[in-house]
Amino acid sequence: MSDDATAAMRYKEVIALARKAADDLRSWELARAAELDAEIGAAAAAVTAATEREQRMAERAQRWWRMACDNVSRLSWLDAGEPPAPADSARGELMDRYAEDVRSAYHELTQAILNLGWRSR
């Protein structure tokens, strides 16, 4: 075999390896794009679910606030003031605990108002 034939064979091998590498890279990029699309979709669904949970919790807190204001409105000497603003530092995974804290605080308020008796109203 001549050196030209060996060089031509080597060139064909290099081109074949380059083509295979390009095909492998293209396949990897397509697979990674599909993975990223799935992750983006899952993240978007999680954001939507978190937004809905936040909205439900805000509505719940507003209901508790309105009920507390209704109880306090019976006391002529006490003003409920402005409703509390949402806490930016609140953590979504602690939502049930926060709701329980609001519920127990409401019940404590109700009991305190009931314990005042008719003389304080």
N, C-alpha and C. Protein backbone atom coordinates (compact mmCIF):
# COMPACT_ATOMS: atom_id res chain seq x y z
N MET A 1 0.84 -1.17 0.00
CA MET A 1 0.00 0.00 0.00
C MET A 1 0.88 1.23 0.00
N SER A 2 0.43 2.20 -0.70
CA SER A 2 1.22 3.42 -0.78
C SER A 2 0.85 4.35 0.36
N ASP A 3 1.67 5.35 0.53
CA ASP A 3 1.40 6.32 1.59
C ASP A 3 0.14 7.12 1.29
N ASP A 4 -0.17 7.33 -0.01
CA ASP A 4 -1.39 8.05 -0.39
C ASP A 4 -2.64 7.26 0.01
N ALA A 5 -2.60 5.97 -0.19
CA ALA A 5 -3.74 5.13 0.17
C ALA A 5 -3.93 5.11 1.67
N THR A 6 -2.85 5.04 2.42
CA THR A 6 -2.96 5.03 3.88
C THR A 6 -3.44 6.39 4.38
N ALA A 7 -3.00 7.45 3.78
CA ALA A 7 -3.44 8.78 4.18
C ALA A 7 -4.93 8.95 3.86
N ALA A 8 -5.36 8.43 2.73
CA ALA A 8 -6.77 8.52 2.35
C ALA A 8 -7.63 7.70 3.31
N MET A 9 -7.16 6.52 3.68
CA MET A 9 -7.90 5.69 4.64
C MET A 9 -7.97 6.38 6.00
N ARG A 10 -6.88 6.94 6.40
CA ARG A 10 -6.84 7.65 7.69
C ARG A 10 -7.78 8.85 7.66
N TYR A 11 -7.81 9.59 6.54
CA TYR A 11 -8.70 10.73 6.38
C TYR A 11 -10.16 10.27 6.49
N LYS A 12 -10.49 9.15 5.84
CA LYS A 12 -11.85 8.62 5.91
C LYS A 12 -12.22 8.21 7.34
N GLU A 13 -11.26 7.63 8.06
CA GLU A 13 -11.50 7.25 9.45
C GLU A 13 -11.77 8.48 10.31
N VAL A 14 -10.96 9.54 10.10
CA VAL A 14 -11.12 10.77 10.87
C VAL A 14 -12.48 11.40 10.57
N ILE A 15 -12.85 11.44 9.28
CA ILE A 15 -14.16 12.00 8.90
C ILE A 15 -15.29 11.18 9.50
N ALA A 16 -15.16 9.86 9.48
CA ALA A 16 -16.19 8.99 10.07
C ALA A 16 -16.29 9.23 11.58
N LEU A 17 -15.17 9.37 12.25
CA LEU A 17 -15.20 9.66 13.69
C LEU A 17 -15.81 11.03 13.98
N ALA A 18 -15.48 12.00 13.15
CA ALA A 18 -16.05 13.34 13.33
C ALA A 18 -17.56 13.32 13.12
N ARG A 19 -18.01 12.59 12.10
CA ARG A 19 -19.45 12.49 11.82
C ARG A 19 -20.15 11.78 12.98
N LYS A 20 -19.54 10.70 13.49
CA LYS A 20 -20.13 9.98 14.62
C LYS A 20 -20.18 10.87 15.86
N ALA A 21 -19.11 11.63 16.09
CA ALA A 21 -19.09 12.54 17.24
C ALA A 21 -20.18 13.60 17.09
N ALA A 22 -20.35 14.13 15.89
CA ALA A 22 -21.40 15.14 15.65
C ALA A 22 -22.78 14.54 15.87
N ASP A 23 -22.99 13.32 15.39
CA ASP A 23 -24.28 12.64 15.59
C ASP A 23 -24.53 12.37 17.07
N ASP A 24 -23.49 11.91 17.76
CA ASP A 24 -23.63 11.66 19.20
C ASP A 24 -23.95 12.94 19.95
N LEU A 25 -23.26 14.03 19.60
CA LEU A 25 -23.52 15.31 20.24
C LEU A 25 -24.94 15.78 19.96
N ARG A 26 -25.39 15.65 18.73
CA ARG A 26 -26.75 16.05 18.36
C ARG A 26 -27.77 15.23 19.16
N SER A 27 -27.54 13.93 19.26
CA SER A 27 -28.45 13.08 20.04
C SER A 27 -28.47 13.48 21.51
N TRP A 28 -27.30 13.75 22.06
CA TRP A 28 -27.22 14.16 23.47
C TRP A 28 -27.94 15.49 23.67
N GLU A 29 -27.73 16.44 22.73
CA GLU A 29 -28.38 17.75 22.86
C GLU A 29 -29.89 17.63 22.78
N LEU A 30 -30.39 16.78 21.87
CA LEU A 30 -31.84 16.58 21.77
C LEU A 30 -32.41 15.94 23.03
N ALA A 31 -31.69 14.96 23.57
CA ALA A 31 -32.14 14.32 24.81
C ALA A 31 -32.12 15.31 25.97
N ARG A 32 -31.08 16.11 26.04
CA ARG A 32 -30.97 17.10 27.12
C ARG A 32 -32.06 18.16 26.98
N ALA A 33 -32.35 18.57 25.74
CA ALA A 33 -33.43 19.54 25.51
C ALA A 33 -34.76 18.98 25.99
N ALA A 34 -34.99 17.69 25.72
CA ALA A 34 -36.23 17.06 26.18
C ALA A 34 -36.28 17.02 27.70
N GLU A 35 -35.15 16.70 28.34
CA GLU A 35 -35.09 16.69 29.81
C GLU A 35 -35.38 18.08 30.37
N LEU A 36 -34.76 19.09 29.77
CA LEU A 36 -34.96 20.46 30.25
C LEU A 36 -36.41 20.90 30.05
N ASP A 37 -37.02 20.53 28.92
CA ASP A 37 -38.43 20.85 28.70
C ASP A 37 -39.31 20.22 29.77
N ALA A 38 -39.00 18.97 30.11
CA ALA A 38 -39.76 18.29 31.16
C ALA A 38 -39.57 18.99 32.51
N GLU A 39 -38.33 19.38 32.81
CA GLU A 39 -38.06 20.07 34.08
C GLU A 39 -38.75 21.43 34.12
N ILE A 40 -38.74 22.13 33.00
CA ILE A 40 -39.41 23.44 32.93
C ILE A 40 -40.91 23.26 33.13
N GLY A 41 -41.47 22.24 32.50
CA GLY A 41 -42.90 21.96 32.66
C GLY A 41 -43.24 21.63 34.10
N ALA A 42 -42.41 20.82 34.74
CA ALA A 42 -42.64 20.46 36.14
C ALA A 42 -42.52 21.68 37.04
N ALA A 43 -41.53 22.53 36.76
CA ALA A 43 -41.35 23.74 37.57
C ALA A 43 -42.53 24.69 37.38
N ALA A 44 -43.02 24.81 36.16
CA ALA A 44 -44.18 25.67 35.90
C ALA A 44 -45.41 25.14 36.63
N ALA A 45 -45.59 23.83 36.63
CA ALA A 45 -46.72 23.24 37.35
C ALA A 45 -46.58 23.47 38.85
N ALA A 46 -45.35 23.37 39.36
CA ALA A 46 -45.12 23.61 40.79
C ALA A 46 -45.41 25.06 41.16
N VAL A 47 -45.03 25.99 40.29
CA VAL A 47 -45.30 27.41 40.55
C VAL A 47 -46.80 27.66 40.53
N THR A 48 -47.49 27.07 39.58
CA THR A 48 -48.95 27.23 39.51
C THR A 48 -49.62 26.67 40.76
N ALA A 49 -49.19 25.49 41.18
CA ALA A 49 -49.76 24.89 42.39
C ALA A 49 -49.47 25.74 43.62
N ALA A 50 -48.26 26.26 43.72
CA ALA A 50 -47.89 27.10 44.87
C ALA A 50 -48.70 28.39 44.86
N THR A 51 -48.92 28.96 43.69
CA THR A 51 -49.72 30.18 43.59
C THR A 51 -51.16 29.92 44.03
N GLU A 52 -51.70 28.78 43.61
CA GLU A 52 -53.07 28.43 44.03
C GLU A 52 -53.15 28.21 45.53
N ARG A 53 -52.13 27.51 46.10
CA ARG A 53 -52.11 27.30 47.56
C ARG A 53 -52.01 28.64 48.29
N GLU A 54 -51.18 29.53 47.77
CA GLU A 54 -51.03 30.85 48.39
C GLU A 54 -52.35 31.62 48.35
N GLN A 55 -53.03 31.55 47.23
CA GLN A 55 -54.31 32.25 47.10
C GLN A 55 -55.35 31.67 48.06
N ARG A 56 -55.41 30.34 48.14
CA ARG A 56 -56.36 29.72 49.08
C ARG A 56 -56.04 30.11 50.52
N MET A 57 -54.74 30.13 50.86
CA MET A 57 -54.34 30.49 52.22
C MET A 57 -54.68 31.95 52.51
N ALA A 58 -54.49 32.83 51.53
CA ALA A 58 -54.83 34.24 51.72
C ALA A 58 -56.33 34.40 51.95
N GLU A 59 -57.13 33.68 51.19
CA GLU A 59 -58.58 33.74 51.38
C GLU A 59 -58.97 33.22 52.76
N ARG A 60 -58.31 32.15 53.18
CA ARG A 60 -58.57 31.59 54.51
C ARG A 60 -58.23 32.59 55.60
N ALA A 61 -57.07 33.22 55.47
CA ALA A 61 -56.64 34.21 56.47
C ALA A 61 -57.59 35.40 56.49
N GLN A 62 -58.07 35.81 55.32
CA GLN A 62 -59.02 36.93 55.27
C GLN A 62 -60.34 36.56 55.95
N ARG A 63 -60.76 35.31 55.78
CA ARG A 63 -61.99 34.85 56.47
C ARG A 63 -61.80 34.90 57.98
N TRP A 64 -60.65 34.39 58.45
CA TRP A 64 -60.37 34.42 59.89
C TRP A 64 -60.35 35.87 60.37
N TRP A 65 -59.73 36.77 59.58
CA TRP A 65 -59.65 38.18 59.98
C TRP A 65 -61.04 38.80 60.06
N ARG A 66 -61.90 38.51 59.07
CA ARG A 66 -63.27 39.05 59.10
C ARG A 66 -64.03 38.53 60.31
N MET A 67 -63.87 37.25 60.65
CA MET A 67 -64.55 36.70 61.83
C MET A 67 -64.01 37.35 63.10
N ALA A 68 -62.70 37.58 63.15
CA ALA A 68 -62.12 38.23 64.33
C ALA A 68 -62.64 39.67 64.43
N CYS A 69 -62.72 40.37 63.31
CA CYS A 69 -63.24 41.74 63.32
C CYS A 69 -64.69 41.76 63.77
N ASP A 70 -65.45 40.77 63.36
CA ASP A 70 -66.85 40.67 63.78
C ASP A 70 -66.94 40.52 65.30
N ASN A 71 -66.08 39.69 65.87
CA ASN A 71 -66.08 39.52 67.33
C ASN A 71 -65.65 40.80 68.03
N VAL A 72 -64.63 41.45 67.51
CA VAL A 72 -64.10 42.66 68.15
C VAL A 72 -65.07 43.83 67.97
N SER A 73 -65.86 43.82 66.91
CA SER A 73 -66.78 44.94 66.67
C SER A 73 -67.83 45.05 67.77
N ARG A 74 -68.04 44.00 68.52
CA ARG A 74 -68.99 44.03 69.64
C ARG A 74 -68.44 44.81 70.83
N LEU A 75 -67.14 45.05 70.82
CA LEU A 75 -66.50 45.80 71.90
C LEU A 75 -66.33 47.25 71.44
N SER A 76 -67.04 48.15 72.07
CA SER A 76 -67.01 49.55 71.64
C SER A 76 -65.66 50.21 71.90
N TRP A 77 -64.91 49.70 72.82
CA TRP A 77 -63.64 50.32 73.21
C TRP A 77 -62.42 49.76 72.48
N LEU A 78 -62.64 48.81 71.54
CA LEU A 78 -61.52 48.17 70.85
C LEU A 78 -61.72 48.27 69.34
N ASP A 79 -60.65 48.73 68.66
CA ASP A 79 -60.68 48.82 67.20
C ASP A 79 -59.75 47.75 66.63
N ALA A 80 -60.23 46.99 65.67
CA ALA A 80 -59.42 45.90 65.10
C ALA A 80 -58.26 46.42 64.28
N GLY A 81 -58.38 47.59 63.71
CA GLY A 81 -57.29 48.13 62.90
C GLY A 81 -57.25 47.54 61.51
N GLU A 82 -56.10 47.67 60.88
CA GLU A 82 -55.91 47.19 59.52
C GLU A 82 -55.62 45.69 59.51
N PRO A 83 -56.05 45.02 58.46
CA PRO A 83 -55.73 43.58 58.38
C PRO A 83 -54.22 43.39 58.21
N PRO A 84 -53.72 42.30 58.72
CA PRO A 84 -52.28 42.06 58.59
C PRO A 84 -51.88 41.80 57.13
N ALA A 85 -50.68 42.21 56.79
CA ALA A 85 -50.16 41.98 55.43
C ALA A 85 -49.52 40.60 55.38
N PRO A 86 -49.51 39.99 54.20
CA PRO A 86 -48.84 38.69 54.07
C PRO A 86 -47.35 38.82 54.39
N ALA A 87 -46.81 37.81 55.00
CA ALA A 87 -45.39 37.80 55.36
C ALA A 87 -44.58 37.25 54.19
N ASP A 88 -43.66 38.05 53.71
CA ASP A 88 -42.82 37.61 52.59
C ASP A 88 -41.87 36.50 52.99
N SER A 89 -41.60 36.37 54.27
CA SER A 89 -40.66 35.36 54.73
C SER A 89 -41.33 34.02 55.03
N ALA A 90 -42.64 33.94 54.82
CA ALA A 90 -43.37 32.69 55.11
C ALA A 90 -42.90 31.59 54.17
N ARG A 91 -42.88 30.38 54.68
CA ARG A 91 -42.41 29.23 53.90
C ARG A 91 -43.61 28.34 53.57
N GLY A 92 -43.70 27.96 52.32
CA GLY A 92 -44.83 27.16 51.84
C GLY A 92 -44.99 25.83 52.54
N GLU A 93 -43.88 25.21 52.90
CA GLU A 93 -43.98 23.89 53.53
C GLU A 93 -44.50 23.98 54.97
N LEU A 94 -44.55 25.19 55.52
CA LEU A 94 -45.07 25.37 56.88
C LEU A 94 -46.50 25.92 56.88
N MET A 95 -47.17 25.88 55.73
CA MET A 95 -48.48 26.47 55.58
C MET A 95 -49.49 25.91 56.58
N ASP A 96 -49.49 24.61 56.78
CA ASP A 96 -50.45 24.01 57.72
C ASP A 96 -50.21 24.51 59.15
N ARG A 97 -48.95 24.65 59.51
CA ARG A 97 -48.63 25.16 60.85
C ARG A 97 -49.09 26.60 61.01
N TYR A 98 -48.88 27.42 59.98
CA TYR A 98 -49.34 28.81 60.03
C TYR A 98 -50.86 28.87 60.17
N ALA A 99 -51.56 28.04 59.41
CA ALA A 99 -53.03 28.01 59.48
C ALA A 99 -53.49 27.61 60.88
N GLU A 100 -52.81 26.64 61.46
CA GLU A 100 -53.16 26.21 62.82
C GLU A 100 -52.89 27.33 63.82
N ASP A 101 -51.80 28.08 63.63
CA ASP A 101 -51.50 29.21 64.51
C ASP A 101 -52.59 30.28 64.43
N VAL A 102 -53.06 30.55 63.20
CA VAL A 102 -54.12 31.55 63.02
C VAL A 102 -55.41 31.06 63.66
N ARG A 103 -55.73 29.80 63.45
CA ARG A 103 -56.95 29.24 64.03
C ARG A 103 -56.92 29.29 65.56
N SER A 104 -55.80 28.89 66.14
CA SER A 104 -55.72 28.90 67.61
C SER A 104 -55.73 30.33 68.14
N ALA A 105 -55.11 31.28 67.45
CA ALA A 105 -55.14 32.68 67.88
C ALA A 105 -56.57 33.21 67.82
N TYR A 106 -57.32 32.83 66.79
CA TYR A 106 -58.72 33.25 66.68
C TYR A 106 -59.54 32.69 67.84
N HIS A 107 -59.34 31.43 68.15
CA HIS A 107 -60.09 30.83 69.25
C HIS A 107 -59.71 31.48 70.59
N GLU A 108 -58.45 31.81 70.77
CA GLU A 108 -58.04 32.52 71.99
C GLU A 108 -58.72 33.89 72.07
N LEU A 109 -58.77 34.59 70.95
CA LEU A 109 -59.45 35.90 70.91
C LEU A 109 -60.93 35.73 71.26
N THR A 110 -61.56 34.74 70.66
CA THR A 110 -62.99 34.51 70.93
C THR A 110 -63.22 34.21 72.41
N GLN A 111 -62.39 33.36 72.98
CA GLN A 111 -62.53 33.04 74.39
C GLN A 111 -62.28 34.26 75.28
N ALA A 112 -61.31 35.06 74.91
CA ALA A 112 -61.02 36.27 75.70
C ALA A 112 -62.20 37.22 75.66
N ILE A 113 -62.83 37.38 74.51
CA ILE A 113 -63.99 38.27 74.40
C ILE A 113 -65.16 37.70 75.19
N LEU A 114 -65.37 36.40 75.11
CA LEU A 114 -66.46 35.79 75.88
C LEU A 114 -66.22 35.91 77.38
N ASN A 115 -64.96 35.83 77.79
CA ASN A 115 -64.64 35.92 79.22
C ASN A 115 -64.74 37.34 79.76
N LEU A 116 -64.82 38.33 78.89
CA LEU A 116 -64.96 39.71 79.37
C LEU A 116 -66.28 39.92 80.09
N GLY A 117 -67.29 39.23 79.61
CA GLY A 117 -68.59 39.37 80.24
C GLY A 117 -69.33 40.59 79.70
N TRP A 118 -70.54 40.72 80.07
CA TRP A 118 -71.40 41.79 79.53
C TRP A 118 -70.98 43.16 80.05
N ARG A 119 -70.32 43.27 81.22
CA ARG A 119 -69.96 44.58 81.79
C ARG A 119 -68.92 45.31 80.95
N SER A 120 -68.06 44.55 80.26
CA SER A 120 -66.98 45.20 79.51
C SER A 120 -67.39 45.57 78.11
N ARG A 121 -68.57 45.16 77.72
CA ARG A 121 -69.02 45.45 76.35
C ARG A 121 -69.63 46.76 76.28
